[in-house]
Amino acid sequence: MKNVAHQIVDILKNAGIKRIYAVTGDSLNFFNEAVHQDGTMQWIHVRHEEVGAFAATAEADLHGIACCAGSSGPGHVHLINGVYEAHKTRVPLLVIASTCATYEFGTDYFQETNPVKLFDDCSCYNQMITRPEQVQRMVQNALQQAISKRDVAVIGLPGDVSEMEAVDMNTAAKVFFTEPQIRPSEMEIGRLAQYINQADKITLFCGVGAKHARREVVELSQKILAPVGYSFKAKLDIQGDNPNEIGMTGLLGTASAFQSMHQSDLILLLGTDFPYKDFIPTNKTIVQIDIEGEKLGRRSMVDYGLVGDVAVTLKAVLPFIEARSDSSFLDKQLASYEKVKEDLMIYVKDSGSECAIQPEFVANLIDQKASDDAIFLVDTGMCCVWGARYINQRRDRKMLGSFNHGSMANAMPMAIGAALTYPQRQVIAFCGDGGLSMLMGDLATIKQYNLPIKLIVFNNRSLGMVKLEMQVAGLKDQETNMINPDFAMVAQAMGIKAYTVTRPEEADTVMAEALAIADEPVLIDIYTNPNALAMPPKISFSQMKGMTESMAKLMLSGNFEEVWDTIKSNYKHLRSL
């Protein structure tokens, strides 16, 4: 007879889950056995459960559903940071949190925790199975909620319940992946058209909610001759084949999109929950379209809000939009963006020196040599800056990161999930030395499954972003410097091919050789410039957190020299730069 663990595996398999990321043990062992007896799903033996949760988050983002698991007590507690990542990223993830036997509940038993309390803040569904009769409906409900709400669903699974005889096995539980078309009413579409037709200067700002609407966004922007900005998370989805794109705004953005939004009469916020409200003008007309109505007006004062899928809504309004011929506003913003791109190449052309290679040069080199459908994973911190600035869309590239949760150490674990989901695609992880150090043990997982991930370590011997944050705040950058191991030797000890690059002239050859290796993992330890600025003065000091109104005006006037002089006068420790 099949037990509860077998039944759960059957339901997960029917829902399209292909693998379980977990460290097995005690209360999880019957579930492990059921996975292997089924033979159609893969158990990915990670070295740390947090890595498993991050990897599953990447797979859920790319595939549509994924699963990770943790054993009693510390096993599922280790999942929590990666589970928060899935919750903040809004991807469908099922978590199996096994726990001690039901007859030990409430006795402070060995490794006893309360998964329902533990995961309550990072899930949309969170229940404990205590009887076999609950399994089919509860697991089906968990999966359906995760898929429909794009969120985390948690199932608590006591060890003794796992081995109980299953019930209700005659009918298979079904899970539905639905694609409803949600759009505003005809009246709202008409009002939207009025806003657009009556405005003189318009900027479109797109978030990840517009990632399936790139064609409609481009069509609208060309019809009304409007520039298109985007958030970091939406960059590769909106950038491709988009002649009117002007880059990002925000802390990692550039002056062009910031300027365009501040010089517009009307800003259309399309599928974005962009968190940095200080970069959104307060004296412009703003119209927001989002499929989730609770997000309307959350970040800025919105004049008109509509609930709808961005692609469907734009298709509905396009026939009512009047075409324009005056391209002066668009031309001005495109020219500004060209200057931004030119400025971004300053540190690419000046590639650095020995043990101080410019990270901009490295990121641009990767952009040029990576495949057109590569999947990039970026660690939080300076790696995000280099990915945001220098990785561009070619054909079908994707970029994942901890864009909402902002966790360290996410790139390498996410690369595991990406490589397993798309084994034929190039997977490149931008790893900070701090991030890689935090979860370095799972290099062994990459080798165990021979995942052909390319790990690029931006080794600046410091917590670079934190160091800059402290300097900008006028603080001493204490406890940010790092004495690192030889990452290449560590990788080689784990059986991974590795290179160390200390001089700029070595980078091109090593990168080409490493990316050409298609059947095994490779790590490149690159000694980058620890003083590289995330916000070069000629490029994007307009994005500095806490920027004053006078600084904004200076940026809009294009007076970058005065901006830089002002910053130097306020922060003496930056004078040497």
Protein backbone atom coordinates (compact mmCIF):
# COMPACT_ATOMS: atom_id res chain seq x y z
CA MET A 1 0.00 0.00 0.00
CA LYS A 2 1.14 3.54 -0.67
CA ASN A 3 1.81 5.74 2.30
CA VAL A 4 1.20 9.48 2.71
CA ALA A 5 4.68 10.33 1.39
CA HIS A 6 3.92 8.41 -1.85
CA GLN A 7 0.62 10.25 -2.18
CA ILE A 8 2.27 13.65 -1.82
CA VAL A 9 4.85 12.73 -4.46
CA ASP A 10 2.06 11.74 -6.88
CA ILE A 11 0.31 15.09 -6.38
CA LEU A 12 3.55 17.06 -6.84
CA LYS A 13 4.42 15.12 -9.98
CA ASN A 14 0.97 15.78 -11.48
CA ALA A 15 1.45 19.49 -10.76
CA GLY A 16 4.62 19.59 -12.85
CA ILE A 17 7.20 19.66 -10.05
CA LYS A 18 10.36 18.04 -11.37
CA ARG A 19 12.71 18.05 -8.39
CA ILE A 20 12.98 18.51 -4.64
CA TYR A 21 15.79 20.64 -3.22
CA ALA A 22 16.59 19.40 0.26
CA VAL A 23 18.93 17.88 2.83
CA THR A 24 17.36 14.60 3.93
CA GLY A 25 17.15 13.38 7.52
CA ASP A 26 14.93 11.91 10.26
CA SER A 27 11.35 13.11 9.68
CA LEU A 28 12.00 13.72 5.97
CA ASN A 29 13.36 10.28 5.16
CA PHE A 30 10.06 8.62 4.16
CA PHE A 31 9.40 11.50 1.75
CA ASN A 32 12.90 11.05 0.34
CA GLU A 33 12.26 7.34 -0.13
CA ALA A 34 8.95 8.02 -1.90
CA VAL A 35 10.64 10.41 -4.34
CA HIS A 36 13.23 7.80 -5.27
CA GLN A 37 10.72 4.98 -5.54
CA ASP A 38 8.65 7.07 -7.96
CA GLY A 39 11.70 7.59 -10.17
CA THR A 40 10.36 10.54 -12.18
CA MET A 41 11.39 13.38 -9.85
CA GLN A 42 14.93 14.27 -8.85
CA TRP A 43 16.13 14.81 -5.30
CA ILE A 44 18.77 17.56 -5.34
CA HIS A 45 21.02 17.03 -2.35
CA VAL A 46 22.16 20.55 -1.47
CA ARG A 47 24.63 21.13 1.36
CA HIS A 48 22.55 23.83 3.04
CA GLU A 49 18.77 24.17 3.01
CA GLU A 50 18.98 27.92 2.34
CA VAL A 51 20.70 27.10 -0.94
CA GLY A 52 17.90 24.68 -1.76
CA ALA A 53 15.27 27.35 -1.18
CA PHE A 54 17.14 29.88 -3.33
CA ALA A 55 17.60 27.29 -6.09
CA ALA A 56 13.92 26.37 -5.95
CA THR A 57 13.00 30.06 -6.14
CA ALA A 58 14.98 30.40 -9.38
CA GLU A 59 13.34 27.29 -10.80
CA ALA A 60 9.89 28.56 -9.83
CA ASP A 61 10.64 31.87 -11.55
CA LEU A 62 11.77 30.12 -14.74
CA HIS A 63 9.47 27.07 -14.75
CA GLY A 64 6.31 28.23 -12.93
CA ILE A 65 6.38 25.96 -9.87
CA ALA A 66 9.08 24.38 -7.69
CA CYS A 67 9.56 22.65 -4.35
CA CYS A 68 12.07 22.60 -1.53
CA ALA A 69 12.02 20.70 1.74
CA GLY A 70 13.61 20.70 5.17
CA SER A 71 13.70 18.15 7.95
CA SER A 72 12.77 18.69 11.60
CA GLY A 73 13.79 21.80 13.47
CA PRO A 74 17.01 23.29 12.07
CA GLY A 75 16.44 21.63 8.71
CA HIS A 76 13.36 23.63 7.81
CA VAL A 77 14.54 26.65 9.83
CA HIS A 78 17.50 26.89 7.42
CA LEU A 79 15.02 27.29 4.56
CA ILE A 80 13.60 30.55 5.85
CA ASN A 81 15.79 33.12 4.07
CA GLY A 82 15.32 31.49 0.66
CA VAL A 83 11.60 31.13 1.34
CA TYR A 84 11.41 34.85 2.08
CA GLU A 85 13.11 35.35 -1.29
CA ALA A 86 10.34 33.43 -3.08
CA HIS A 87 7.67 35.31 -1.15
CA LYS A 88 9.16 38.71 -2.00
CA THR A 89 9.84 37.73 -5.62
CA ARG A 90 6.27 36.49 -5.95
CA VAL A 91 6.93 33.06 -7.44
CA PRO A 92 4.97 29.82 -6.81
CA LEU A 93 6.94 27.71 -4.35
CA LEU A 94 5.84 24.70 -2.30
CA VAL A 95 7.73 24.10 0.95
CA ILE A 96 7.63 20.74 2.69
CA ALA A 97 8.55 21.42 6.32
CA SER A 98 8.77 18.05 8.00
CA THR A 99 8.71 17.97 11.77
CA CYS A 100 8.63 15.65 14.75
CA ALA A 101 5.93 13.04 15.27
CA THR A 102 2.47 14.30 16.15
CA TYR A 103 2.42 12.45 19.49
CA GLU A 104 5.42 14.55 20.57
CA PHE A 105 3.82 17.91 19.79
CA GLY A 106 3.94 20.35 22.69
CA THR A 107 6.54 18.47 24.74
CA ASP A 108 9.63 20.45 23.72
CA TYR A 109 10.81 17.31 21.96
CA PHE A 110 14.21 17.08 20.29
CA GLN A 111 14.26 19.49 17.25
CA GLU A 112 10.63 20.45 17.83
CA THR A 113 9.62 23.74 16.22
CA ASN A 114 6.32 25.21 15.05
CA PRO A 115 6.47 25.53 11.23
CA VAL A 116 3.08 27.26 11.12
CA LYS A 117 4.37 30.12 13.24
CA LEU A 118 7.80 30.08 11.61
CA PHE A 119 6.60 30.53 8.01
CA ASP A 120 3.54 32.65 8.74
CA ASP A 121 5.09 35.93 7.54
CA CYS A 122 6.42 34.61 4.24
CA SER A 123 3.61 32.48 2.82
CA CYS A 124 0.08 32.69 1.46
CA TYR A 125 -0.84 29.19 2.69
CA ASN A 126 0.61 27.48 5.75
CA GLN A 127 -0.92 24.33 7.25
CA MET A 128 0.09 21.22 9.16
CA ILE A 129 -1.00 17.75 8.04
CA THR A 130 -1.94 15.63 11.04
CA ARG A 131 -4.13 12.92 9.43
CA PRO A 132 -3.94 11.03 6.13
CA GLU A 133 -7.48 12.15 5.26
CA GLN A 134 -6.20 15.73 4.94
CA VAL A 135 -3.42 15.07 2.46
CA GLN A 136 -5.10 15.22 -0.93
CA ARG A 137 -7.15 18.35 -0.38
CA MET A 138 -4.48 20.15 1.65
CA VAL A 139 -1.61 19.58 -0.77
CA GLN A 140 -3.81 20.37 -3.78
CA ASN A 141 -5.00 23.55 -2.08
CA ALA A 142 -1.46 24.56 -1.20
CA LEU A 143 -0.29 24.14 -4.79
CA GLN A 144 -3.30 25.95 -6.23
CA GLN A 145 -2.83 28.89 -3.90
CA ALA A 146 0.90 29.08 -4.64
CA ILE A 147 0.22 29.10 -8.39
CA SER A 148 -2.77 31.44 -8.35
CA LYS A 149 -1.29 33.93 -5.88
CA ARG A 150 2.31 33.58 -7.10
CA ASP A 151 3.50 33.01 -3.57
CA VAL A 152 4.81 30.45 -1.10
CA ALA A 153 2.68 27.60 0.25
CA VAL A 154 3.96 25.61 3.22
CA ILE A 155 2.94 22.11 4.23
CA GLY A 156 3.99 20.88 7.66
CA LEU A 157 4.63 17.13 7.49
CA PRO A 158 5.19 15.23 10.76
CA GLY A 159 7.44 12.22 10.42
CA ASP A 160 4.85 9.72 11.66
CA VAL A 161 2.21 10.99 9.24
CA SER A 162 4.57 10.45 6.29
CA GLU A 163 4.56 6.69 6.83
CA MET A 164 0.82 6.31 7.48
CA GLU A 165 -1.30 4.52 4.89
CA ALA A 166 -2.70 6.92 2.31
CA VAL A 167 -6.43 7.40 1.77
CA ASP A 168 -8.51 8.85 -1.10
CA MET A 169 -6.14 7.48 -3.74
CA ASN A 170 -8.87 6.68 -6.29
CA THR A 171 -9.07 10.18 -7.72
CA ALA A 172 -5.97 12.19 -8.54
CA ALA A 173 -5.81 15.77 -7.26
CA LYS A 174 -5.52 18.25 -10.14
CA VAL A 175 -3.78 21.60 -10.15
CA PHE A 176 -4.66 24.29 -12.68
CA PHE A 177 -2.34 26.83 -14.29
CA THR A 178 -4.75 29.50 -15.45
CA GLU A 179 -4.18 32.63 -17.55
CA PRO A 180 -7.18 34.92 -17.05
CA GLN A 181 -7.29 38.11 -19.11
CA ILE A 182 -8.00 41.00 -16.77
CA ARG A 183 -8.64 44.44 -18.21
CA PRO A 184 -10.31 47.71 -17.20
CA SER A 185 -13.87 48.56 -18.23
CA GLU A 186 -14.65 50.41 -21.45
CA MET A 187 -15.21 53.59 -19.46
CA GLU A 188 -11.81 53.26 -17.81
CA ILE A 189 -10.14 52.55 -21.17
CA GLY A 190 -11.72 55.73 -22.55
CA ARG A 191 -10.49 57.75 -19.58
CA LEU A 192 -6.99 56.31 -20.01
CA ALA A 193 -7.00 57.35 -23.67
CA GLN A 194 -8.00 60.88 -22.63
CA TYR A 195 -5.08 61.15 -20.24
CA ILE A 196 -2.65 60.02 -22.93
CA ASN A 197 -4.09 62.11 -25.75
CA GLN A 198 -4.21 65.30 -23.67
CA ALA A 199 -0.63 65.11 -22.38
CA ASP A 200 2.22 66.74 -24.24
CA LYS A 201 5.29 64.96 -22.85
CA ILE A 202 4.85 61.36 -21.72
CA THR A 203 7.25 58.81 -20.21
CA LEU A 204 6.41 55.12 -19.85
CA PHE A 205 7.98 53.42 -16.83
CA CYS A 206 7.72 49.63 -16.85
CA GLY A 207 8.11 47.06 -14.11
CA VAL A 208 8.21 43.29 -14.21
CA GLY A 209 4.40 43.28 -14.48
CA ALA A 210 4.90 44.47 -18.05
CA LYS A 211 7.36 41.73 -19.02
CA HIS A 212 4.83 40.03 -21.31
CA ALA A 213 3.73 43.37 -22.77
CA ARG A 214 6.95 44.49 -24.47
CA ARG A 215 5.34 44.47 -27.92
CA GLU A 216 2.43 46.61 -26.75
CA VAL A 217 4.73 48.95 -24.81
CA VAL A 218 6.88 49.50 -27.90
CA GLU A 219 3.83 50.04 -30.10
CA LEU A 220 2.40 52.65 -27.72
CA SER A 221 5.73 54.41 -27.28
CA GLN A 222 6.21 54.66 -31.05
CA LYS A 223 2.68 55.91 -31.58
CA ILE A 224 2.95 58.70 -29.01
CA LEU A 225 6.74 59.18 -29.37
CA ALA A 226 7.37 58.52 -25.70
CA PRO A 227 10.60 57.32 -24.05
CA VAL A 228 10.47 54.04 -22.10
CA GLY A 229 12.21 53.56 -18.76
CA TYR A 230 12.17 50.42 -16.66
CA SER A 231 13.04 48.94 -13.30
CA PHE A 232 16.07 46.69 -12.84
CA LYS A 233 13.87 43.60 -12.54
CA ALA A 234 12.21 44.40 -15.87
CA LYS A 235 15.31 45.46 -17.79
CA LEU A 236 15.89 42.45 -20.04
CA ASP A 237 12.17 41.99 -20.64
CA ILE A 238 11.56 45.56 -21.80
CA GLN A 239 14.91 46.45 -23.36
CA GLY A 240 14.96 44.05 -26.32
CA ASP A 241 14.03 45.52 -29.74
CA ASN A 242 12.87 48.70 -28.04
CA PRO A 243 14.08 51.77 -29.98
CA ASN A 244 12.72 54.21 -27.38
CA GLU A 245 14.30 52.76 -24.24
CA ILE A 246 16.14 55.20 -21.97
CA GLY A 247 17.37 52.93 -19.19
CA MET A 248 16.64 52.63 -15.49
CA THR A 249 16.00 55.05 -12.69
CA GLY A 250 16.47 54.35 -9.00
CA LEU A 251 19.50 53.66 -6.82
CA LEU A 252 21.18 51.61 -9.55
CA GLY A 253 19.81 53.62 -12.45
CA THR A 254 21.11 56.44 -14.58
CA ALA A 255 20.31 60.09 -15.16
CA SER A 256 18.39 59.67 -18.42
CA ALA A 257 15.29 57.90 -17.08
CA PHE A 258 15.28 60.09 -13.96
CA GLN A 259 15.44 63.20 -16.14
CA SER A 260 12.74 62.01 -18.54
CA MET A 261 10.26 61.31 -15.76
CA HIS A 262 10.90 64.70 -14.15
CA GLN A 263 10.49 66.56 -17.46
CA SER A 264 7.25 64.82 -18.44
CA ASP A 265 3.69 66.04 -18.11
CA LEU A 266 2.37 62.49 -17.72
CA ILE A 267 4.03 59.34 -16.39
CA LEU A 268 2.50 55.95 -17.14
CA LEU A 269 3.50 53.38 -14.49
CA LEU A 270 3.03 49.99 -16.14
CA GLY A 271 3.14 46.89 -13.97
CA THR A 272 5.62 48.34 -11.51
CA ASP A 273 5.81 48.34 -7.73
CA PHE A 274 9.06 50.34 -7.86
CA PRO A 275 9.93 50.91 -4.17
CA TYR A 276 12.10 54.03 -4.34
CA LYS A 277 9.43 56.71 -4.18
CA ASP A 278 12.03 59.50 -3.93
CA PHE A 279 12.83 58.97 -7.61
CA ILE A 280 9.23 59.41 -8.78
CA PRO A 281 8.16 63.04 -9.31
CA THR A 282 5.48 64.45 -7.04
CA ASN A 283 4.32 67.30 -9.31
CA LYS A 284 3.40 65.32 -12.44
CA THR A 285 0.24 63.58 -13.57
CA ILE A 286 0.66 59.86 -12.91
CA VAL A 287 -1.47 57.03 -14.27
CA GLN A 288 -0.80 53.52 -12.96
CA ILE A 289 -1.85 50.19 -14.45
CA ASP A 290 -1.37 47.02 -12.41
CA ILE A 291 -3.04 43.63 -12.28
CA GLU A 292 -3.10 43.87 -8.47
CA GLY A 293 -5.31 46.71 -7.37
CA GLU A 294 -3.78 46.96 -3.91
CA LYS A 295 -0.58 48.30 -5.49
CA LEU A 296 -2.26 51.35 -6.99
CA GLY A 297 -0.93 54.49 -5.30
CA ARG A 298 1.29 52.53 -2.92
CA ARG A 299 4.53 54.25 -3.99
CA SER A 300 3.39 57.62 -5.31
CA MET A 301 0.35 59.88 -5.52
CA VAL A 302 -1.54 58.53 -8.53
CA ASP A 303 -4.07 60.60 -10.44
CA TYR A 304 -5.74 57.64 -12.12
CA GLY A 305 -5.36 53.93 -11.36
CA LEU A 306 -6.55 50.95 -13.39
CA VAL A 307 -6.56 47.24 -12.62
CA GLY A 308 -5.60 45.10 -15.57
CA ASP A 309 -2.99 43.02 -17.31
CA VAL A 310 -0.62 45.52 -18.95
CA ALA A 311 -0.59 43.82 -22.36
CA VAL A 312 -4.37 43.39 -22.49
CA THR A 313 -4.97 46.95 -21.27
CA LEU A 314 -2.61 48.52 -23.79
CA LYS A 315 -4.12 46.48 -26.63
CA ALA A 316 -7.54 47.81 -25.63
CA VAL A 317 -6.47 51.45 -25.49
CA LEU A 318 -4.18 51.60 -28.54
CA PRO A 319 -7.01 52.07 -31.11
CA PHE A 320 -8.10 55.22 -29.24
CA ILE A 321 -4.66 56.79 -29.06
CA GLU A 322 -3.84 59.64 -31.43
CA ALA A 323 -0.56 59.26 -33.30
CA ARG A 324 1.98 62.07 -32.93
CA SER A 325 4.58 63.63 -35.19
CA ASP A 326 6.51 65.90 -32.82
CA SER A 327 9.45 63.85 -31.58
CA SER A 328 11.38 66.66 -29.88
CA PHE A 329 10.81 65.39 -26.32
CA LEU A 330 11.67 61.82 -27.26
CA ASP A 331 14.74 62.89 -29.21
CA LYS A 332 16.02 64.87 -26.24
CA GLN A 333 15.69 61.89 -23.90
CA LEU A 334 17.26 59.48 -26.38
CA ALA A 335 20.19 61.85 -26.79
CA SER A 336 20.57 61.99 -23.01
CA TYR A 337 20.57 58.19 -22.88
CA GLU A 338 23.24 58.00 -25.56
CA LYS A 339 25.41 60.27 -23.41
CA VAL A 340 24.75 58.03 -20.41
CA LYS A 341 25.83 54.95 -22.37
CA GLU A 342 28.92 56.79 -23.54
CA ASP A 343 29.79 57.70 -19.95
CA LEU A 344 29.24 54.11 -18.85
CA MET A 345 32.07 53.05 -21.16
CA ILE A 346 34.64 55.24 -19.34
CA TYR A 347 35.55 52.48 -16.91
CA VAL A 348 35.31 49.83 -19.60
CA LYS A 349 37.95 51.53 -21.72
CA ASP A 350 40.12 52.09 -18.64
CA SER A 351 40.29 48.43 -17.67
CA GLY A 352 42.26 48.95 -14.48
CA SER A 353 45.54 47.58 -13.20
CA GLU A 354 46.98 44.53 -11.51
CA CYS A 355 44.70 43.32 -8.69
CA ALA A 356 42.50 46.35 -9.36
CA ILE A 357 40.65 45.38 -12.53
CA GLN A 358 37.64 47.58 -13.18
CA PRO A 359 34.47 45.53 -12.53
CA GLU A 360 32.72 47.55 -15.27
CA PHE A 361 35.28 46.20 -17.73
CA VAL A 362 34.64 42.65 -16.53
CA ALA A 363 30.84 42.96 -16.74
CA ASN A 364 31.01 44.46 -20.22
CA LEU A 365 33.34 41.66 -21.32
CA ILE A 366 30.85 39.07 -20.10
CA ASP A 367 28.02 40.90 -21.86
CA GLN A 368 29.93 40.74 -25.13
CA LYS A 369 30.96 37.08 -24.86
CA ALA A 370 27.92 35.44 -23.25
CA SER A 371 25.38 33.63 -25.41
CA ASP A 372 22.26 35.39 -26.64
CA ASP A 373 20.03 33.25 -24.39
CA ALA A 374 22.24 33.20 -21.31
CA ILE A 375 20.71 33.27 -17.84
CA PHE A 376 22.45 35.69 -15.49
CA LEU A 377 22.26 35.53 -11.69
CA VAL A 378 23.52 38.54 -9.73
CA ASP A 379 24.45 38.79 -6.07
CA THR A 380 23.02 41.67 -4.09
CA GLY A 381 25.40 44.60 -3.72
CA MET A 382 27.99 45.77 -6.22
CA CYS A 383 27.33 42.78 -8.51
CA CYS A 384 23.80 44.11 -8.96
CA VAL A 385 25.24 47.43 -10.09
CA TRP A 386 27.47 45.85 -12.72
CA GLY A 387 24.69 43.57 -13.95
CA ALA A 388 22.23 46.46 -14.12
CA ARG A 389 24.61 48.70 -16.01
CA TYR A 390 26.38 46.35 -18.40
CA ILE A 391 24.28 43.23 -19.13
CA ASN A 392 21.97 43.88 -22.06
CA GLN A 393 19.32 41.92 -23.89
CA ARG A 394 20.43 40.09 -27.03
CA ARG A 395 17.71 37.62 -27.96
CA ASP A 396 16.27 35.80 -24.97
CA ARG A 397 18.53 36.54 -22.05
CA LYS A 398 17.19 36.42 -18.50
CA MET A 399 18.49 37.94 -15.29
CA LEU A 400 17.50 36.89 -11.79
CA GLY A 401 18.54 38.30 -8.45
CA SER A 402 17.31 39.09 -4.97
CA PHE A 403 15.75 42.30 -6.26
CA ASN A 404 13.07 42.67 -3.57
CA HIS A 405 14.42 40.76 -0.57
CA GLY A 406 17.99 41.98 -1.14
CA SER A 407 19.73 38.96 0.36
CA MET A 408 23.43 38.29 0.20
CA ALA A 409 24.68 35.06 -1.34
CA ASN A 410 21.77 34.48 -3.73
CA ALA A 411 23.56 34.21 -7.10
CA MET A 412 25.34 30.86 -6.78
CA PRO A 413 22.30 29.02 -5.30
CA MET A 414 19.96 30.52 -7.88
CA ALA A 415 22.38 29.40 -10.59
CA ILE A 416 21.86 25.81 -9.40
CA GLY A 417 18.11 26.09 -9.97
CA ALA A 418 18.58 27.83 -13.32
CA ALA A 419 21.04 25.23 -14.59
CA LEU A 420 18.76 22.35 -13.62
CA THR A 421 15.74 24.05 -15.20
CA TYR A 422 17.53 24.92 -18.46
CA PRO A 423 20.45 22.48 -18.81
CA GLN A 424 21.15 23.53 -22.42
CA ARG A 425 21.49 27.25 -21.69
CA GLN A 426 24.53 29.14 -20.50
CA VAL A 427 24.20 30.05 -16.82
CA ILE A 428 26.47 32.80 -15.47
CA ALA A 429 26.56 33.89 -11.82
CA PHE A 430 27.94 37.27 -10.77
CA CYS A 431 29.19 36.38 -7.28
CA GLY A 432 30.46 38.85 -4.75
CA ASP A 433 33.31 37.56 -2.62
CA GLY A 434 31.19 38.18 0.47
CA GLY A 435 28.21 36.36 -0.99
CA LEU A 436 30.17 33.36 -2.21
CA SER A 437 31.94 33.05 1.16
CA MET A 438 28.60 32.83 2.93
CA LEU A 439 27.35 29.68 1.17
CA MET A 440 30.55 28.36 -0.40
CA GLY A 441 29.91 24.80 0.71
CA ASP A 442 27.40 24.29 -2.08
CA LEU A 443 30.15 24.47 -4.68
CA ALA A 444 30.14 20.76 -3.82
CA THR A 445 26.52 20.51 -5.00
CA ILE A 446 27.44 22.10 -8.31
CA LYS A 447 30.23 19.56 -8.76
CA GLN A 448 28.13 16.60 -7.58
CA TYR A 449 25.57 17.24 -10.33
CA ASN A 450 28.22 18.54 -12.75
CA LEU A 451 26.20 21.67 -13.47
CA PRO A 452 27.97 23.73 -16.17
CA ILE A 453 27.58 27.00 -14.25
CA LYS A 454 30.10 29.78 -14.82
CA LEU A 455 30.83 31.45 -11.48
CA ILE A 456 32.44 34.88 -11.88
CA VAL A 457 33.79 36.07 -8.52
CA PHE A 458 34.08 39.86 -8.33
CA ASN A 459 36.78 39.70 -5.69
CA ASN A 460 37.18 43.21 -4.30
CA ARG A 461 38.23 41.98 -0.85
CA SER A 462 35.43 43.88 0.83
CA LEU A 463 31.71 44.21 1.37
CA GLY A 464 31.78 46.83 -1.38
CA MET A 465 28.24 48.17 -1.32
CA VAL A 466 28.16 48.36 2.47
CA LYS A 467 31.51 50.15 2.45
CA LEU A 468 30.16 52.76 0.05
CA GLU A 469 26.94 53.13 2.05
CA MET A 470 28.93 53.86 5.19
CA GLN A 471 31.18 56.36 3.42
CA VAL A 472 28.23 58.22 1.90
CA ALA A 473 26.62 58.39 5.35
CA GLY A 474 29.80 59.91 6.75
CA LEU A 475 30.69 56.81 8.77
CA LYS A 476 33.95 54.93 9.02
CA ASP A 477 33.80 51.84 6.83
CA GLN A 478 34.55 49.49 9.69
CA GLU A 479 34.34 45.68 9.40
CA THR A 480 33.88 45.77 5.64
CA ASN A 481 37.31 44.55 4.53
CA MET A 482 37.76 40.82 3.96
CA ILE A 483 40.70 38.44 3.99
CA ASN A 484 39.54 35.90 1.42
CA PRO A 485 40.69 32.39 0.70
CA ASP A 486 42.05 31.59 -2.74
CA PHE A 487 38.66 30.96 -4.34
CA ALA A 488 40.21 29.21 -7.34
CA MET A 489 42.07 26.77 -5.10
CA VAL A 490 38.91 26.12 -3.08
CA ALA A 491 36.99 25.38 -6.28
CA GLN A 492 39.76 23.11 -7.54
CA ALA A 493 39.75 21.24 -4.24
CA MET A 494 36.06 20.55 -4.88
CA GLY A 495 36.82 19.31 -8.40
CA ILE A 496 35.76 22.47 -10.26
CA LYS A 497 37.91 23.93 -13.00
CA ALA A 498 39.07 27.37 -11.92
CA TYR A 499 41.08 30.40 -13.00
CA THR A 500 42.55 33.37 -11.17
CA VAL A 501 42.72 36.69 -13.03
CA THR A 502 44.80 39.49 -11.55
CA ARG A 503 45.61 41.57 -14.67
CA PRO A 504 43.16 43.14 -17.12
CA GLU A 505 44.99 41.79 -20.16
CA GLU A 506 44.34 38.21 -18.98
CA ALA A 507 40.59 38.62 -18.73
CA ASP A 508 39.59 38.34 -22.38
CA THR A 509 41.38 35.04 -23.01
CA VAL A 510 40.30 33.45 -19.73
CA MET A 511 36.68 34.53 -20.15
CA ALA A 512 36.50 33.19 -23.71
CA GLU A 513 38.02 29.87 -22.66
CA ALA A 514 35.77 29.49 -19.62
CA LEU A 515 32.54 30.32 -21.45
CA ALA A 516 33.46 27.88 -24.21
CA ILE A 517 33.43 24.98 -21.71
CA ALA A 518 29.91 23.66 -22.04
CA ASP A 519 29.93 20.43 -20.04
CA GLU A 520 31.35 21.32 -16.61
CA PRO A 521 31.34 24.09 -14.01
CA VAL A 522 34.00 26.80 -14.04
CA LEU A 523 34.94 29.43 -11.46
CA ILE A 524 36.87 32.60 -12.34
CA ASP A 525 38.30 34.55 -9.42
CA ILE A 526 38.82 38.10 -10.69
CA TYR A 527 40.66 40.62 -8.51
CA THR A 528 38.60 43.76 -9.05
CA ASN A 529 39.20 47.32 -7.96
CA PRO A 530 37.98 47.68 -4.34
CA ASN A 531 37.52 51.43 -4.88
CA ALA A 532 35.23 51.12 -7.90
CA LEU A 533 32.31 53.51 -7.47
CA ALA A 534 28.78 52.19 -7.82
CA MET A 535 27.69 55.75 -8.60
CA PRO A 536 30.34 57.43 -10.79
CA PRO A 537 29.94 61.23 -10.67
CA LYS A 538 29.50 61.67 -14.39
CA ILE A 539 26.89 58.97 -14.62
CA SER A 540 24.42 58.69 -11.82
CA PHE A 541 24.99 60.61 -8.63
CA SER A 542 21.41 61.77 -9.26
CA GLN A 543 20.42 58.41 -7.92
CA MET A 544 22.22 58.74 -4.57
CA LYS A 545 20.00 57.83 -1.65
CA GLY A 546 18.93 60.85 0.33
CA MET A 547 19.71 63.26 -2.51
CA THR A 548 18.51 66.79 -1.75
CA GLU A 549 16.15 68.80 -3.93
CA SER A 550 18.97 71.17 -4.88
CA MET A 551 21.07 68.21 -6.04
CA ALA A 552 18.18 67.03 -8.20
CA LYS A 553 17.95 70.44 -9.83
CA LEU A 554 21.69 70.40 -10.52
CA MET A 555 21.34 66.98 -12.16
CA LEU A 556 18.46 68.15 -14.33
CA SER A 557 20.52 71.13 -15.46
CA GLY A 558 23.29 68.75 -16.50
CA ASN A 559 25.80 70.45 -14.21
CA PHE A 560 27.58 67.26 -13.14
CA GLU A 561 30.77 69.06 -12.08
CA GLU A 562 28.87 71.10 -9.48
CA VAL A 563 27.14 67.93 -8.27
CA TRP A 564 30.52 66.31 -7.72
CA ASP A 565 31.93 69.41 -6.01
CA THR A 566 28.95 69.46 -3.65
CA ILE A 567 29.42 65.82 -2.73
CA LYS A 568 33.14 66.30 -2.11
CA SER A 569 32.49 69.26 0.16
CA ASN A 570 30.02 67.24 2.25
CA TYR A 571 32.02 64.03 2.42
CA LYS A 572 35.73 64.69 2.91
CA HIS A 573 36.58 61.02 2.70
CA LEU A 574 35.57 61.06 -0.99
CA ARG A 575 38.00 63.83 -1.93
CA SER A 576 40.69 61.40 -3.00
CA LEU A 577 38.36 59.95 -5.63
